[in-house]
Amino acid sequence: MHTKRHAGFTLLELIVTLAVAAIILSFGVPGFMGFVQNSRATTHTNDLVTALNLARSEATRRGSAVTVCSTTNGASCNGSTDWSTGWVVRDAAGNVLRVWAERSGGANVVTGGVNSLSFGSRGALTGSATTFDIKVPDCTGKHARRVSVNAAGRIAVALLSC
């Protein structure tokens, strides 16, 4: 006589599987947080570099100064050195070319004390060179970034320890 065996898991097999999954997740979640921090810092850095490159290329294309400045309302420069509230690219006539809103995820963009950068008609800075440090909350390891703009208008990005 053949008895039909039921396919499925026993309670013991299910408990062992859940225990193994919990152990694996306990090792994976801290690593995932580092991945999220790195992705956030990279995204914010790319946004800032895009704005700076846009301002520089528009200045050379238009043959007049284009400015990148911190903003809170997306329409005007706020005169603050806190760039985490967002930034705007404006032409010499004050027309807004593009707006980047406040940074989501709590990223902090810290500057060397400037509230705006202007690129002249040849793509060089009209002021002195500056740096922006981008850090995310609870930053660990090398998840921060430094964006440097030299007097010639060249933009460089480097990793920083938090």
Protein backbone atom coordinates (compact mmCIF):
# COMPACT_ATOMS: atom_id res chain seq x y z
CA MET A 1 0.00 0.00 0.00
CA HIS A 2 1.20 3.46 -0.89
CA THR A 3 0.43 6.38 1.29
CA LYS A 4 0.34 9.79 -0.27
CA ARG A 5 2.91 12.09 1.25
CA HIS A 6 1.97 15.75 1.61
CA ALA A 7 4.42 18.24 0.16
CA GLY A 8 5.34 21.22 2.33
CA PHE A 9 7.44 22.38 5.24
CA THR A 10 7.29 21.17 8.78
CA LEU A 11 7.19 23.72 11.56
CA LEU A 12 10.79 22.92 12.49
CA GLU A 13 12.00 23.50 8.91
CA LEU A 14 10.17 26.83 8.78
CA ILE A 15 11.72 28.01 12.08
CA VAL A 16 15.23 27.05 10.93
CA THR A 17 14.73 28.86 7.60
CA LEU A 18 13.50 32.02 9.35
CA ALA A 19 16.45 31.91 11.77
CA VAL A 20 18.96 31.64 8.91
CA ALA A 21 17.23 34.51 7.05
CA ALA A 22 17.34 36.69 10.18
CA ILE A 23 21.08 36.05 10.62
CA ILE A 24 21.81 36.90 6.97
CA LEU A 25 19.73 40.10 7.16
CA SER A 26 21.49 41.21 10.35
CA PHE A 27 24.75 41.28 8.38
CA GLY A 28 23.24 42.83 5.23
CA VAL A 29 21.31 45.80 6.66
CA PRO A 30 24.33 47.76 8.00
CA GLY A 31 26.04 47.35 4.62
CA PHE A 32 22.89 48.53 2.90
CA MET A 33 22.85 51.71 5.00
CA GLY A 34 26.36 52.51 3.75
CA PHE A 35 25.13 51.96 0.20
CA VAL A 36 22.21 54.37 0.77
CA GLN A 37 24.52 57.03 2.25
CA ASN A 38 26.92 56.70 -0.65
CA SER A 39 24.11 56.90 -3.20
CA ARG A 40 22.65 59.99 -1.54
CA ALA A 41 25.99 61.80 -1.45
CA THR A 42 26.67 60.84 -5.07
CA THR A 43 23.26 62.10 -6.20
CA HIS A 44 23.64 65.43 -4.42
CA THR A 45 27.17 65.81 -5.77
CA ASN A 46 26.03 65.08 -9.32
CA ASP A 47 23.23 67.66 -8.99
CA LEU A 48 25.67 70.34 -7.86
CA VAL A 49 28.23 69.50 -10.56
CA THR A 50 25.45 69.59 -13.18
CA ALA A 51 24.43 73.06 -12.02
CA LEU A 52 28.00 74.32 -12.11
CA ASN A 53 28.63 72.84 -15.55
CA LEU A 54 25.37 74.31 -16.85
CA ALA A 55 26.32 77.76 -15.55
CA ARG A 56 29.79 77.53 -17.07
CA SER A 57 28.59 76.35 -20.48
CA GLU A 58 25.76 78.91 -20.60
CA ALA A 59 28.21 81.69 -19.74
CA THR A 60 30.43 80.77 -22.69
CA ARG A 61 27.45 80.24 -25.00
CA ARG A 62 25.80 83.55 -24.11
CA GLY A 63 29.03 85.52 -23.83
CA SER A 64 27.99 86.94 -20.45
CA ALA A 65 28.14 86.00 -16.78
CA VAL A 66 25.95 83.24 -15.39
CA THR A 67 25.56 82.73 -11.65
CA VAL A 68 24.84 79.74 -9.41
CA CYS A 69 23.55 80.73 -5.98
CA SER A 70 21.81 79.31 -2.94
CA THR A 71 18.05 79.77 -2.82
CA THR A 72 15.07 79.00 -0.65
CA ASN A 73 12.28 79.93 -3.05
CA GLY A 74 13.68 78.78 -6.40
CA ALA A 75 13.42 82.25 -7.92
CA SER A 76 16.05 84.42 -6.26
CA CYS A 77 19.37 84.17 -4.48
CA ASN A 78 18.96 84.20 -0.72
CA GLY A 79 22.47 85.37 0.19
CA SER A 80 23.02 82.38 2.47
CA THR A 81 26.02 80.09 2.50
CA ASP A 82 23.69 77.16 3.31
CA TRP A 83 23.26 75.41 -0.02
CA SER A 84 21.18 72.55 1.43
CA THR A 85 18.06 74.67 0.82
CA GLY A 86 18.66 74.40 -2.93
CA TRP A 87 20.34 76.41 -5.65
CA VAL A 88 19.45 78.22 -8.84
CA VAL A 89 21.29 79.04 -12.08
CA ARG A 90 20.60 82.59 -13.34
CA ASP A 91 21.80 84.58 -16.33
CA ALA A 92 23.14 88.17 -16.23
CA ALA A 93 19.61 89.57 -16.68
CA GLY A 94 18.39 87.63 -13.62
CA ASN A 95 16.40 85.06 -15.59
CA VAL A 96 16.26 81.67 -13.94
CA LEU A 97 17.71 78.97 -16.18
CA ARG A 98 17.24 76.01 -13.83
CA VAL A 99 16.36 75.32 -10.20
CA TRP A 100 17.49 72.54 -7.86
CA ALA A 101 15.16 72.23 -4.87
CA GLU A 102 16.08 71.55 -1.27
CA ARG A 103 18.11 68.40 -0.83
CA SER A 104 15.99 65.41 0.17
CA GLY A 105 17.30 62.83 2.58
CA GLY A 106 18.86 65.42 4.86
CA ALA A 107 22.07 65.98 2.94
CA ASN A 108 24.14 68.90 4.10
CA VAL A 109 25.94 70.97 1.48
CA VAL A 110 28.56 73.07 3.20
CA THR A 111 30.51 75.74 1.35
CA GLY A 112 33.71 77.61 1.95
CA GLY A 113 31.64 80.64 2.86
CA VAL A 114 30.29 81.72 -0.55
CA ASN A 115 26.65 82.33 -1.36
CA SER A 116 27.11 82.40 -5.14
CA LEU A 117 29.53 81.59 -7.95
CA SER A 118 29.66 83.44 -11.27
CA PHE A 119 31.24 82.21 -14.47
CA GLY A 120 32.40 84.78 -17.01
CA SER A 121 32.07 84.65 -20.79
CA ARG A 122 35.20 82.47 -21.10
CA GLY A 123 34.06 79.95 -18.48
CA ALA A 124 36.36 81.14 -15.69
CA LEU A 125 35.15 82.12 -12.24
CA THR A 126 34.72 85.84 -11.73
CA GLY A 127 35.57 85.39 -8.04
CA SER A 128 38.00 83.18 -6.17
CA ALA A 129 38.14 79.39 -6.18
CA THR A 130 35.90 77.59 -3.69
CA THR A 131 34.88 74.16 -2.42
CA PHE A 132 31.61 72.53 -1.44
CA ASP A 133 31.51 69.66 1.05
CA ILE A 134 28.53 67.33 0.76
CA LYS A 135 27.77 65.13 3.75
CA VAL A 136 24.76 63.06 4.71
CA PRO A 137 23.47 62.60 8.28
CA ASP A 138 25.04 59.73 10.23
CA CYS A 139 27.83 59.66 7.68
CA THR A 140 30.47 56.96 8.14
CA GLY A 141 33.52 56.04 6.10
CA LYS A 142 34.22 57.78 2.80
CA HIS A 143 30.65 58.74 1.95
CA ALA A 144 31.19 62.49 1.83
CA ARG A 145 32.24 64.40 -1.29
CA ARG A 146 34.16 67.61 -1.98
CA VAL A 147 33.38 69.59 -5.12
CA SER A 148 36.16 72.06 -5.96
CA VAL A 149 35.94 74.86 -8.49
CA ASN A 150 39.25 76.53 -9.37
CA ALA A 151 39.71 80.06 -10.73
CA ALA A 152 39.73 78.77 -14.32
CA GLY A 153 36.27 77.25 -13.73
CA ARG A 154 37.43 73.63 -13.68
CA ILE A 155 35.27 71.43 -11.49
CA ALA A 156 36.70 68.41 -9.62
CA VAL A 157 35.14 65.90 -7.22
CA ALA A 158 36.95 64.01 -4.45
CA LEU A 159 35.90 61.52 -1.77
CA LEU A 160 36.07 62.64 1.86
CA SER A 161 35.91 60.80 5.15
CA CYS A 162 32.97 61.83 7.27
